[in-house]
Amino acid sequence: MKLVLLMYLCSATANQCMPPYQVAVLDNHYDCMMRGYSESAKQTEEMGIEQTNKLKIYFRFHCKTLETKES
C-alpha cells in the first residue's frame, strides 16, 4: 500500500489554510508521518521567524492511501 503525504500551509492570523499540496509518495504510515513532521520543521525554518510569527504560520499534514488501479 502506498501513501501520499499531503501538506497544508496555514495562517492562524488569517484563519485559513492554502489548498493541500503533495510532498511525497511513501511505502508505509510510519515513513509518511516522519516525513510530515520533518517537512513541517524544514518549511517553518525556510519561512523564517519573522514571517512565521507575523502570520502565525503552521503546517497540517495527513497521509492518504494512494488509490491504484489493479491490472
Protein backbone atom coordinates (compact mmCIF):
# COMPACT_ATOMS: atom_id res chain seq x y z
CA MET A 1 0.00 0.00 0.00
CA LYS A 2 1.35 3.40 -0.98
CA LEU A 3 0.54 6.60 0.89
CA VAL A 4 0.68 10.15 -0.35
CA LEU A 5 1.82 12.88 2.04
CA LEU A 6 -0.39 15.95 1.69
CA MET A 7 0.55 19.19 3.42
CA TYR A 8 -1.34 22.40 4.09
CA LEU A 9 0.26 25.77 4.79
CA CYS A 10 -1.97 27.59 7.29
CA SER A 11 -2.12 31.00 8.96
CA ALA A 12 -3.77 31.45 12.35
CA THR A 13 -3.81 35.22 11.69
CA ALA A 14 -5.88 34.76 8.51
CA ASN A 15 -7.71 31.77 9.99
CA GLN A 16 -7.28 29.76 6.81
CA CYS A 17 -5.16 27.16 5.03
CA MET A 18 -3.94 27.00 1.47
CA PRO A 19 -5.07 24.04 -0.66
CA PRO A 20 -3.10 20.86 0.03
CA TYR A 21 -0.01 20.00 -1.97
CA GLN A 22 1.59 16.62 -2.50
CA VAL A 23 5.04 16.22 -0.96
CA ALA A 24 5.89 12.56 -1.48
CA VAL A 25 4.61 9.05 -2.06
CA LEU A 26 5.74 6.67 0.68
CA ASP A 27 5.52 2.96 1.44
CA ASN A 28 4.11 2.96 4.99
CA HIS A 29 2.39 5.09 7.59
CA TYR A 30 5.44 5.44 9.82
CA ASP A 31 7.59 6.85 7.00
CA CYS A 32 4.81 9.19 5.97
CA MET A 33 4.36 10.55 9.49
CA MET A 34 8.09 11.05 9.99
CA ARG A 35 8.39 12.82 6.64
CA GLY A 36 5.42 15.05 7.50
CA TYR A 37 6.98 16.20 10.76
CA SER A 38 10.43 16.74 9.24
CA GLU A 39 8.99 18.56 6.22
CA SER A 40 6.91 20.80 8.52
CA ALA A 41 10.01 21.74 10.51
CA LYS A 42 12.06 22.34 7.35
CA GLN A 43 9.42 24.58 5.78
CA THR A 44 8.87 26.51 9.01
CA GLU A 45 12.60 27.20 9.13
CA GLU A 46 12.54 28.33 5.48
CA MET A 47 9.67 30.73 6.22
CA GLY A 48 11.78 32.31 8.92
CA ILE A 49 10.97 33.58 12.36
CA GLU A 50 9.61 36.96 11.22
CA GLN A 51 7.03 35.59 8.74
CA THR A 52 6.13 32.65 10.97
CA ASN A 53 5.43 34.93 13.93
CA LYS A 54 3.74 37.67 11.92
CA LEU A 55 1.30 35.34 10.16
CA LYS A 56 1.25 32.67 12.89
CA ILE A 57 2.17 30.06 10.31
CA TYR A 58 1.61 26.38 10.97
CA PHE A 59 1.53 23.27 8.83
CA ARG A 60 -1.01 20.48 8.74
CA PHE A 61 -0.45 17.20 7.00
CA HIS A 62 -2.01 13.83 6.51
CA CYS A 63 -1.14 10.53 4.92
CA LYS A 64 -3.74 9.41 2.43
CA THR A 65 -3.91 5.96 0.88
CA LEU A 66 -2.98 6.25 -2.76
CA GLU A 67 -5.69 4.79 -4.94
CA THR A 68 -4.18 2.48 -7.53
CA LYS A 69 -5.89 0.59 -10.31
CA GLU A 70 -5.02 -3.08 -10.32
CA SER A 71 -4.29 -4.67 -13.70
